Protein backbone atom coordinates (compact mmCIF):
# COMPACT_ATOMS: atom_id res chain seq x y z
CA MET A 1 0.00 0.00 0.00
CA THR A 2 1.55 3.30 -1.10
CA VAL A 3 1.78 6.38 1.14
CA SER A 4 2.30 10.09 0.45
CA VAL A 5 2.77 12.93 2.93
CA VAL A 6 1.18 16.37 2.54
CA LEU A 7 2.97 19.00 4.61
CA PHE A 8 0.54 21.83 5.40
CA THR A 9 2.14 25.23 6.01
CA SER A 10 0.26 28.41 5.03
CA ASP A 11 -2.47 26.47 3.21
CA LEU A 12 -4.70 25.19 6.01
CA ARG A 13 -7.72 24.19 3.94
CA LEU A 14 -9.29 21.30 2.06
CA HIS A 15 -10.85 23.25 -0.81
CA ASP A 16 -8.58 24.10 -3.74
CA HIS A 17 -5.52 22.35 -2.37
CA PRO A 18 -3.31 21.09 -5.23
CA PRO A 19 -0.73 19.33 -3.00
CA LEU A 20 -3.46 17.32 -1.28
CA ARG A 21 -5.14 16.49 -4.59
CA ALA A 22 -1.83 15.31 -6.09
CA ALA A 23 -1.06 13.17 -3.04
CA LEU A 24 -4.49 11.54 -3.11
CA LEU A 25 -4.14 10.73 -6.79
CA SER A 26 -0.67 9.23 -6.43
CA ALA A 27 -0.98 7.06 -3.32
CA ASP A 28 -3.38 4.70 -1.57
CA THR A 29 -3.11 6.57 1.73
CA VAL A 30 -2.06 10.07 2.68
CA VAL A 31 -0.62 11.61 5.85
CA PRO A 32 -1.92 15.19 6.30
CA LEU A 33 0.91 16.63 8.40
CA PHE A 34 1.43 19.89 10.20
CA VAL A 35 4.67 20.55 12.09
CA ARG A 36 4.77 23.09 14.89
CA ASP A 37 8.09 24.35 13.65
CA ASP A 38 10.73 25.36 16.21
CA GLY A 39 12.26 27.63 13.57
CA ILE A 40 9.16 29.83 13.46
CA ALA A 41 9.26 30.37 17.22
CA ALA A 42 13.02 30.96 17.21
CA ALA A 43 12.61 33.65 14.56
CA GLY A 44 10.10 35.51 16.76
CA PHE A 45 7.07 34.93 14.52
CA ASP A 46 5.12 32.81 17.00
CA ALA A 47 3.07 35.73 18.34
CA PRO A 48 0.05 34.98 20.57
CA ASN A 49 -2.60 36.31 18.17
CA ARG A 50 -1.34 34.22 15.28
CA ARG A 51 -0.80 31.20 17.52
CA ALA A 52 -4.42 31.36 18.69
CA PHE A 53 -5.76 31.82 15.17
CA LEU A 54 -3.55 28.95 14.00
CA ALA A 55 -5.04 26.71 16.69
CA ASP A 56 -8.52 27.44 15.33
CA CYS A 57 -7.32 26.66 11.80
CA LEU A 58 -5.74 23.34 12.78
CA ALA A 59 -8.78 22.26 14.80
CA ASP A 60 -11.07 23.05 11.86
CA LEU A 61 -8.76 21.26 9.43
CA ASP A 62 -8.71 18.19 11.66
CA THR A 63 -12.52 18.23 11.84
CA GLY A 64 -12.79 18.48 8.06
CA LEU A 65 -10.40 15.57 7.59
CA ARG A 66 -12.25 13.45 10.16
CA ASP A 67 -15.52 14.13 8.32
CA ARG A 68 -13.80 12.50 5.32
CA GLY A 69 -12.44 9.51 7.19
CA GLY A 70 -9.01 10.95 7.96
CA ARG A 71 -7.33 13.12 10.56
CA LEU A 72 -4.60 15.70 10.93
CA VAL A 73 -1.21 14.50 12.18
CA VAL A 74 0.56 17.13 14.30
CA ARG A 75 4.23 16.98 15.22
CA SER A 76 6.54 19.47 16.95
CA GLY A 77 10.20 20.26 16.40
CA ASP A 78 12.43 20.87 13.40
CA VAL A 79 10.27 20.61 10.32
CA VAL A 80 12.83 18.67 8.25
CA ASP A 81 13.47 16.16 11.03
CA GLN A 82 9.77 15.61 11.65
CA VAL A 83 8.87 15.17 7.98
CA GLY A 84 11.70 12.68 7.63
CA LYS A 85 10.50 10.73 10.67
CA VAL A 86 6.91 10.58 9.43
CA ALA A 87 8.04 9.46 5.98
CA ALA A 88 10.24 6.75 7.50
CA GLU A 89 7.52 5.56 9.89
CA THR A 90 4.96 5.21 7.10
CA GLY A 91 7.22 4.22 4.24
CA ALA A 92 6.13 7.27 2.27
CA ARG A 93 8.07 7.89 -0.93
CA ASP A 94 6.59 11.28 -1.83
CA VAL A 95 6.12 14.49 0.14
CA HIS A 96 3.97 17.32 -1.24
CA ILE A 97 4.22 20.97 -0.15
CA ALA A 98 3.04 24.38 -1.35
CA ALA A 99 5.81 26.71 -2.52
CA GLY A 100 6.65 29.57 -0.14
CA VAL A 101 8.36 32.86 -0.92
CA SER A 102 10.21 34.04 2.18
CA GLY A 103 13.87 33.33 2.71
CA TYR A 104 12.92 30.95 5.50
CA ALA A 105 10.47 29.06 3.25
CA GLN A 106 13.02 28.82 0.46
CA ARG A 107 15.68 27.46 2.82
CA ARG A 108 13.17 25.01 4.28
CA GLU A 109 12.41 23.70 0.81
CA VAL A 110 16.10 23.17 0.02
CA ARG A 111 16.70 21.37 3.32
CA LEU A 112 13.65 19.18 2.83
CA ARG A 113 14.62 18.23 -0.70
CA ASP A 114 18.19 17.38 0.28
CA ALA A 115 17.13 15.33 3.31
CA LEU A 116 14.43 13.41 1.46
CA GLU A 117 16.53 12.71 -1.62
CA SER A 118 19.31 11.35 0.60
CA GLU A 119 16.78 8.73 1.74
CA GLY A 120 15.48 7.97 -1.75
CA ARG A 121 12.31 10.04 -1.37
CA LEU A 122 10.91 12.87 -3.51
CA LEU A 123 9.73 16.38 -2.64
CA HIS A 124 6.99 17.81 -4.87
CA VAL A 125 6.60 21.60 -4.64
CA HIS A 126 3.32 23.05 -5.91
CA ASP A 127 3.03 26.64 -7.17
CA ALA A 128 0.08 29.06 -6.93
CA VAL A 129 -1.32 27.61 -3.70
CA ILE A 130 -0.46 30.45 -1.29
CA THR A 131 -0.86 33.09 -4.02
CA ALA A 132 -3.31 33.41 -6.89
CA LEU A 133 -0.51 33.49 -9.47
CA ALA A 134 2.86 31.88 -8.84
CA PRO A 135 5.71 34.34 -8.14
CA GLY A 136 7.95 34.54 -11.18
CA SER A 137 5.29 33.31 -13.61
CA VAL A 138 5.18 36.78 -15.17
CA THR A 139 8.30 38.93 -15.36
CA PRO A 140 9.41 42.04 -17.24
CA ALA A 141 11.93 41.70 -20.05
CA ASP A 142 14.87 43.04 -18.04
CA SER A 143 14.35 41.59 -14.54
CA ASP A 144 13.32 38.52 -12.58
CA HIS A 145 10.41 40.40 -10.96
CA PHE A 146 8.26 43.50 -11.28
CA ALA A 147 9.38 46.39 -9.09
CA VAL A 148 6.34 48.62 -9.82
CA PHE A 149 2.77 47.52 -9.18
CA THR A 150 0.85 48.97 -12.15
CA PRO A 151 2.71 47.09 -14.93
CA TYR A 152 2.56 43.94 -12.80
CA PHE A 153 -1.19 44.35 -12.41
CA ARG A 154 -1.63 44.69 -16.18
CA ARG A 155 0.27 41.47 -16.83
CA TRP A 156 -1.32 39.67 -13.88
CA SER A 157 -4.81 40.59 -15.11
CA GLN A 158 -4.10 39.01 -18.49
CA GLU A 159 -3.15 35.64 -17.01
CA LEU A 160 -5.63 32.80 -16.68
CA LEU A 161 -5.71 31.60 -13.09
CA ARG A 162 -6.05 27.87 -12.60
CA ASP A 163 -9.55 26.56 -11.90
CA PRO A 164 -10.14 25.95 -8.19
CA LEU A 165 -10.33 22.35 -7.01
CA GLY A 166 -13.11 20.97 -4.88
CA ALA A 167 -12.51 19.50 -1.46
CA PRO A 168 -11.81 15.74 -1.47
CA ARG A 169 -14.67 13.41 -0.59
CA ALA A 170 -12.46 11.00 1.33
CA VAL A 171 -8.99 11.03 2.86
CA ARG A 172 -7.54 7.71 3.98
CA VAL A 173 -4.74 7.99 6.56
CA PRO A 174 -2.40 5.09 7.46
CA ASP A 175 -3.20 3.36 10.74
CA GLY A 176 -1.02 3.83 13.78
CA ILE A 177 0.74 7.09 12.89
CA ARG A 178 1.43 9.06 16.09
CA SER A 179 0.20 12.63 16.50
CA ASP A 180 0.57 15.32 19.11
CA PRO A 181 -2.73 16.78 20.34
CA VAL A 182 -4.25 19.36 18.00
CA PRO A 183 -3.59 22.79 19.59
CA SER A 184 -6.41 24.73 21.22
CA ARG A 185 -6.93 28.49 21.41
CA ALA A 186 -7.58 28.06 25.13
CA GLU A 187 -3.90 27.17 25.57
CA VAL A 188 -2.77 30.60 24.32
CA SER A 189 -2.46 33.63 26.60
CA GLY A 190 -1.79 37.26 25.79
CA THR A 191 -4.12 37.54 22.81
CA SER A 192 -6.03 40.63 21.74
CA ALA A 193 -9.42 40.97 23.43
CA ALA A 194 -11.44 40.94 20.20
CA LEU A 195 -9.35 38.53 18.15
CA ALA A 196 -11.36 36.98 15.30
CA GLY A 197 -11.91 33.24 14.93
CA GLY A 198 -9.95 31.17 12.44
CA GLY A 199 -10.41 28.09 10.31
CA GLU A 200 -11.59 27.23 6.80
CA THR A 201 -15.23 26.96 7.84
CA GLU A 202 -15.18 30.48 9.27
CA GLY A 203 -13.21 31.82 6.31
CA ARG A 204 -15.67 30.48 3.75
CA ARG A 205 -18.61 31.73 5.79
CA ARG A 206 -17.08 35.19 6.04
CA LEU A 207 -16.29 35.32 2.33
CA ALA A 208 -19.83 34.34 1.36
CA ALA A 209 -21.43 36.83 3.76
CA TRP A 210 -19.16 39.70 2.72
CA LYS A 211 -19.74 39.04 -0.99
CA ARG A 212 -23.49 39.28 -0.43
CA SER A 213 -23.36 42.48 1.62
CA ASN A 214 -20.32 44.54 0.62
CA LEU A 215 -18.47 43.40 -2.50
CA ALA A 216 -20.60 45.50 -4.86
CA HIS A 217 -19.83 48.62 -2.82
CA TYR A 218 -16.14 47.89 -2.22
CA GLU A 219 -14.79 50.47 -4.68
CA ASP A 220 -16.66 53.28 -2.94
CA ARG A 221 -16.36 52.14 0.67
CA HIS A 222 -13.04 50.33 1.13
CA ASP A 223 -11.35 53.47 2.53
CA ASP A 224 -14.29 54.40 4.77
CA LEU A 225 -12.83 53.73 8.20
CA ALA A 226 -16.06 54.05 10.16
CA ALA A 227 -18.03 51.79 7.80
CA ASP A 228 -15.63 48.89 8.36
CA ALA A 229 -16.68 47.58 4.95
CA THR A 230 -13.52 45.74 3.93
CA SER A 231 -13.58 41.95 3.74
CA ARG A 232 -11.35 41.26 6.78
CA LEU A 233 -10.20 38.17 4.90
CA SER A 234 -6.49 38.93 5.29
CA PRO A 235 -5.98 36.50 8.22
CA HIS A 236 -7.61 33.73 6.21
CA LEU A 237 -5.44 34.48 3.20
CA HIS A 238 -2.35 34.54 5.41
CA PHE A 239 -3.07 31.14 6.94
CA GLY A 240 -4.43 29.78 3.67
CA THR A 241 -7.86 28.84 4.97
CA LEU A 242 -9.05 30.53 1.78
CA SER A 243 -7.50 30.04 -1.64
CA PRO A 244 -6.51 33.34 -3.30
CA ALA A 245 -7.27 31.84 -6.70
CA GLU A 246 -10.75 30.78 -5.61
CA VAL A 247 -11.40 34.18 -4.02
CA VAL A 248 -10.50 35.92 -7.30
CA HIS A 249 -12.70 33.55 -9.34
CA ARG A 250 -15.66 34.08 -7.02
CA ALA A 251 -15.25 37.87 -7.04
CA ARG A 252 -14.94 38.01 -10.82
CA LYS A 253 -18.07 35.91 -11.15
CA ASP A 254 -20.00 38.70 -9.42
CA GLY A 255 -18.32 41.33 -11.60
CA GLY A 256 -18.71 45.11 -11.39
CA PRO A 257 -16.45 47.93 -10.14
CA GLY A 258 -16.49 46.60 -6.58
CA ALA A 259 -15.21 43.20 -7.64
CA GLU A 260 -12.54 44.78 -9.85
CA ALA A 261 -11.29 46.95 -6.98
CA PHE A 262 -11.23 43.96 -4.63
CA VAL A 263 -9.34 41.76 -7.10
CA ARG A 264 -6.79 44.55 -7.43
CA GLN A 265 -6.09 44.21 -3.71
CA ILE A 266 -5.54 40.46 -4.10
CA CYS A 267 -3.09 41.34 -6.87
CA TRP A 268 -1.22 43.67 -4.48
CA ARG A 269 -0.72 40.64 -2.23
CA ASP A 270 0.66 38.60 -5.14
CA PHE A 271 2.85 41.56 -6.12
CA HIS A 272 4.53 41.67 -2.73
CA HIS A 273 5.02 37.91 -2.74
CA GLN A 274 6.77 37.99 -6.12
CA VAL A 275 9.05 40.81 -4.90
CA LEU A 276 10.01 38.89 -1.76
CA ALA A 277 10.48 35.62 -3.67
CA ALA A 278 13.04 37.38 -5.86
CA ARG A 279 14.57 39.51 -3.08
CA PRO A 280 14.25 37.62 0.24
CA ALA A 281 16.56 40.12 1.96
CA ALA A 282 13.83 42.77 1.61
CA SER A 283 12.25 41.33 4.75
CA ARG A 284 15.01 43.02 6.76
CA ALA A 285 16.96 45.35 4.44
CA ASP A 286 15.91 48.35 2.34
CA TYR A 287 14.66 47.28 -1.07
CA ARG A 288 15.78 50.69 -2.37
CA THR A 289 18.03 52.44 0.09
CA ARG A 290 17.52 56.16 0.76
CA HIS A 291 20.61 56.23 3.00
CA ASP A 292 18.43 57.08 5.97
CA ARG A 293 19.98 57.84 9.31
CA TRP A 294 16.92 56.93 11.37
CA ARG A 295 16.44 58.61 14.72
CA SER A 296 17.36 56.63 17.82
CA GLY A 297 18.02 57.42 21.45
CA ARG A 298 15.82 58.20 24.43
CA GLN A 299 13.52 60.74 22.77
CA ALA A 300 12.87 58.56 19.74
CA GLU A 301 12.18 55.58 22.02
CA LYS A 302 9.75 57.67 24.07
CA GLU A 303 7.90 58.78 20.94
CA THR A 304 7.82 55.23 19.57
CA ALA A 305 6.33 53.99 22.84
CA ALA A 306 3.60 56.64 22.60
CA TRP A 307 2.94 55.55 18.99
CA LYS A 308 2.56 51.92 20.08
CA GLU A 309 0.18 52.91 22.89
CA GLY A 310 -2.00 55.16 20.72
CA ARG A 311 -0.94 58.29 22.63
CA THR A 312 0.62 60.46 19.91
CA GLY A 313 -1.91 63.27 20.21
CA TYR A 314 -3.07 62.70 16.62
CA PRO A 315 -6.52 61.08 16.87
CA MET A 316 -6.42 59.12 13.59
CA VAL A 317 -3.05 57.60 14.40
CA ASP A 318 -4.09 56.76 17.94
CA ALA A 319 -7.43 55.25 16.91
CA ALA A 320 -5.74 52.91 14.45
CA MET A 321 -3.06 51.84 16.92
CA ARG A 322 -5.68 51.11 19.58
CA GLN A 323 -7.70 49.06 17.10
CA LEU A 324 -4.56 47.01 16.40
CA ARG A 325 -4.02 46.21 20.06
CA HIS A 326 -7.69 45.38 20.70
CA GLU A 327 -8.41 43.29 17.60
CA GLY A 328 -5.03 42.14 16.32
CA TRP A 329 -6.08 43.73 13.04
CA MET A 330 -6.15 47.22 11.55
CA HIS A 331 -7.95 48.79 8.61
CA ASN A 332 -5.62 49.13 5.61
CA ARG A 333 -6.00 52.91 5.42
CA GLY A 334 -5.00 53.06 9.08
CA ARG A 335 -1.93 50.89 8.38
CA LEU A 336 -0.69 53.27 5.72
CA LEU A 337 -1.28 56.29 7.93
CA VAL A 338 0.41 55.02 11.09
CA ALA A 339 3.37 53.71 9.08
CA SER A 340 3.84 57.06 7.38
CA PHE A 341 3.61 58.81 10.76
CA LEU A 342 6.27 56.62 12.40
CA THR A 343 8.73 56.58 9.52
CA LYS A 344 8.32 60.07 8.11
CA THR A 345 6.84 62.32 10.78
CA LEU A 346 8.81 60.76 13.66
CA TYR A 347 11.56 59.50 11.33
CA VAL A 348 11.92 56.13 13.08
CA ASP A 349 13.23 53.04 11.28
CA TRP A 350 10.51 51.11 9.43
CA ARG A 351 11.81 47.86 10.94
CA VAL A 352 10.70 49.07 14.39
CA GLY A 353 7.13 49.50 13.17
CA ALA A 354 7.16 46.27 11.15
CA ARG A 355 8.27 44.33 14.22
CA HIS A 356 5.49 45.82 16.34
CA PHE A 357 2.92 44.91 13.70
CA LEU A 358 4.23 41.33 13.58
CA ASP A 359 3.89 41.16 17.36
CA LEU A 360 0.16 41.90 17.13
CA LEU A 361 -1.27 41.36 13.64
CA VAL A 362 -3.14 38.11 13.21
CA ASP A 363 -2.48 38.46 9.47
CA GLY A 364 1.19 39.27 10.10
CA ASP A 365 2.71 38.10 6.83
CA VAL A 366 6.38 38.67 6.05
CA ALA A 367 5.79 39.58 2.39
CA ASN A 368 2.86 41.92 2.92
CA ASN A 369 3.88 43.40 6.26
CA GLN A 370 7.52 44.12 5.51
CA LEU A 371 6.99 45.35 1.97
CA ASN A 372 4.01 47.51 2.87
CA TRP A 373 6.13 49.06 5.60
CA GLN A 374 8.89 49.67 3.08
CA TRP A 375 6.35 51.18 0.68
CA ALA A 376 5.19 53.57 3.41
CA ALA A 377 8.76 54.41 4.42
CA GLY A 378 9.78 55.15 0.84
CA THR A 379 12.45 52.45 0.83
CA GLY A 380 10.33 49.97 -1.11
CA THR A 381 8.40 49.94 -4.37
CA ASP A 382 6.56 53.27 -3.99
CA THR A 383 7.24 55.47 -7.01
CA ARG A 384 6.77 58.54 -4.78
CA PRO A 385 9.13 57.67 -1.91
CA ASN A 386 8.96 61.08 -0.20
CA ARG A 387 5.19 61.39 0.10
CA VAL A 388 4.00 62.05 3.67
CA LEU A 389 0.45 61.34 4.80
CA ASN A 390 -1.02 64.07 6.98
CA PRO A 391 -3.11 62.42 9.76
CA VAL A 392 -5.42 65.44 10.13
CA VAL A 393 -6.18 65.62 6.41
CA GLN A 394 -6.48 61.84 6.16
CA GLY A 395 -8.86 61.75 9.12
CA LYS A 396 -11.17 64.39 7.69
CA ARG A 397 -11.19 62.65 4.33
CA PHE A 398 -11.69 59.02 5.39
CA ASP A 399 -13.52 59.53 8.71
CA PRO A 400 -15.45 62.76 8.01
CA ASP A 401 -17.87 62.40 10.91
CA GLY A 402 -15.19 61.31 13.36
CA THR A 403 -17.04 58.06 14.08
CA TYR A 404 -13.96 55.85 13.78
CA VAL A 405 -11.87 58.06 16.05
CA ARG A 406 -14.54 58.29 18.74
CA ARG A 407 -14.97 54.48 18.59
CA TRP A 408 -11.34 53.94 19.59
CA VAL A 409 -10.45 57.16 21.43
CA PRO A 410 -13.30 57.61 23.92
CA GLU A 411 -11.52 60.58 25.53
CA LEU A 412 -12.69 62.59 22.49
CA GLU A 413 -16.30 61.43 22.54
CA GLY A 414 -17.62 64.93 23.09
CA ILE A 415 -15.78 66.54 20.17
CA PRO A 416 -18.20 66.89 17.23
CA GLY A 417 -17.66 66.05 13.55
CA LYS A 418 -14.40 66.74 11.77
CA ALA A 419 -13.14 68.81 14.69
CA VAL A 420 -12.21 65.56 16.44
CA HIS A 421 -9.27 65.17 14.05
CA GLU A 422 -7.61 68.44 15.05
CA PRO A 423 -4.71 68.11 17.50
CA TRP A 424 -5.32 70.09 20.68
CA LYS A 425 -3.20 72.59 22.55
CA ARG A 426 -3.28 73.77 26.12
CA SER A 427 -5.59 76.57 25.09
CA ASP A 428 -8.29 73.92 24.46
CA PRO A 429 -9.66 73.23 27.97
CA GLU A 430 -12.21 70.62 26.80
CA ARG A 431 -9.52 68.31 25.48
CA ALA A 432 -7.12 69.10 28.30
CA CYS A 433 -9.66 67.79 30.79
CA SER A 434 -10.21 64.62 28.79
CA GLY A 435 -6.76 63.24 29.53
CA TYR A 436 -5.91 63.06 25.85
CA PRO A 437 -2.24 63.99 25.17
CA GLU A 438 -0.86 66.93 23.28
CA PRO A 439 0.76 66.12 19.92
CA LEU A 440 4.23 64.57 20.11
CA ILE A 441 5.43 66.86 17.36
CA ASP A 442 4.14 69.63 15.14
CA LEU A 443 3.44 68.14 11.70
CA ALA A 444 5.26 70.96 9.93
CA ASP A 445 8.35 70.37 12.07
CA GLY A 446 8.26 66.65 11.35
CA LEU A 447 7.89 67.26 7.63
CA ALA A 448 10.79 69.70 7.59
CA ARG A 449 13.02 67.24 9.47
CA PHE A 450 12.13 64.43 7.09
CA ARG A 451 12.85 66.55 4.03
CA ARG A 452 16.23 67.53 5.44
CA ALA A 453 17.04 63.91 6.18
CA ARG A 454 16.16 62.86 2.64
CA GLY A 455 17.94 65.85 1.13
CA ARG A 456 14.70 67.45 -0.02
CA ASP A 457 15.13 71.00 1.37
């Protein structure tokens, strides 16, 4: 009786899963395996919010497999060692895995291939599982990746995405294979108070509900902070409980401007993945250096702490940072704004902000998080690297009634309308009594400092 192993990583689903389909077609029995990888924890990516969401995903995956006659096998330790042990215990000749893009994922793939081949086994790597279109499948004439989004989007839009696969009807797992207990969210402490639930069942339910209620209006409402009308599917895309290819197909089936705008956001995700696949060092080093001499020292640390706490004195920045801490998630417009504020108004290294986001974001993804931070800092793929987002202007534009700010900054509940976005001074007794802080810095002073630092006087 033949055996194959499917190593689940960031693809924790049964629908549209090419590695699982290939394993089922090539062997009599299959071991669905997830390894709680020591390397992830050692690298500092095992944050409580993602660990809790992951537990939901694994529990749901195990339930789905059991409904089909199988089960999830969980192991802990070094991923290469554990895959090798499972293959040896079951006599598996083939191991299937979805291709990753980070430097860590690429090194893991090389180590797996070498270890398995030394034992006479084969590693099969499947593209376009974690992304809608495989990184590197479209490239410009003079490079191995696109460095600007718009030409990438044009090419990406012309490609035919593969048709999504259905979930298998049955999964037969070899008898006697040992498994650690499937993790539980209850085991995780230190999570955000309003952290969303994970798992493929929840992801598919959320996608269906959002398509019915908000997809058609996405183009007009995706930047409306108070409306909270975005899909909130980013955690499910990060953990792979939803297939990006299937999400694009389902959105395009509905059609219309809302669907087109939403698909463009999925393309942004693919864009960042193809950049990181080609330039893994961009997770920690400037993609395009501006020779910044970022501020450090006691004052910069004090200002960064206030930024993390949502106490900068700029209501839009503070509202977004408080949402992050409470939910483990932040609206995309808020992400751009707070990143611009830290890197350009306070002139603090983008890596400091990216690390804080990875400590809290349930969708904390190396490709999207690091490269979006670089975009905001002007060290990445932004074609206007010295743009600075004004939090007062942004607040009045994207939260005109102040509803979003008052939701997250209750100290300002009594300030009406757009006035809530104005920073206060000691001459404003109403705000002084509220306990809300004065601004860390005058925006004009921050802008002038940034322009000097970038040689833009």
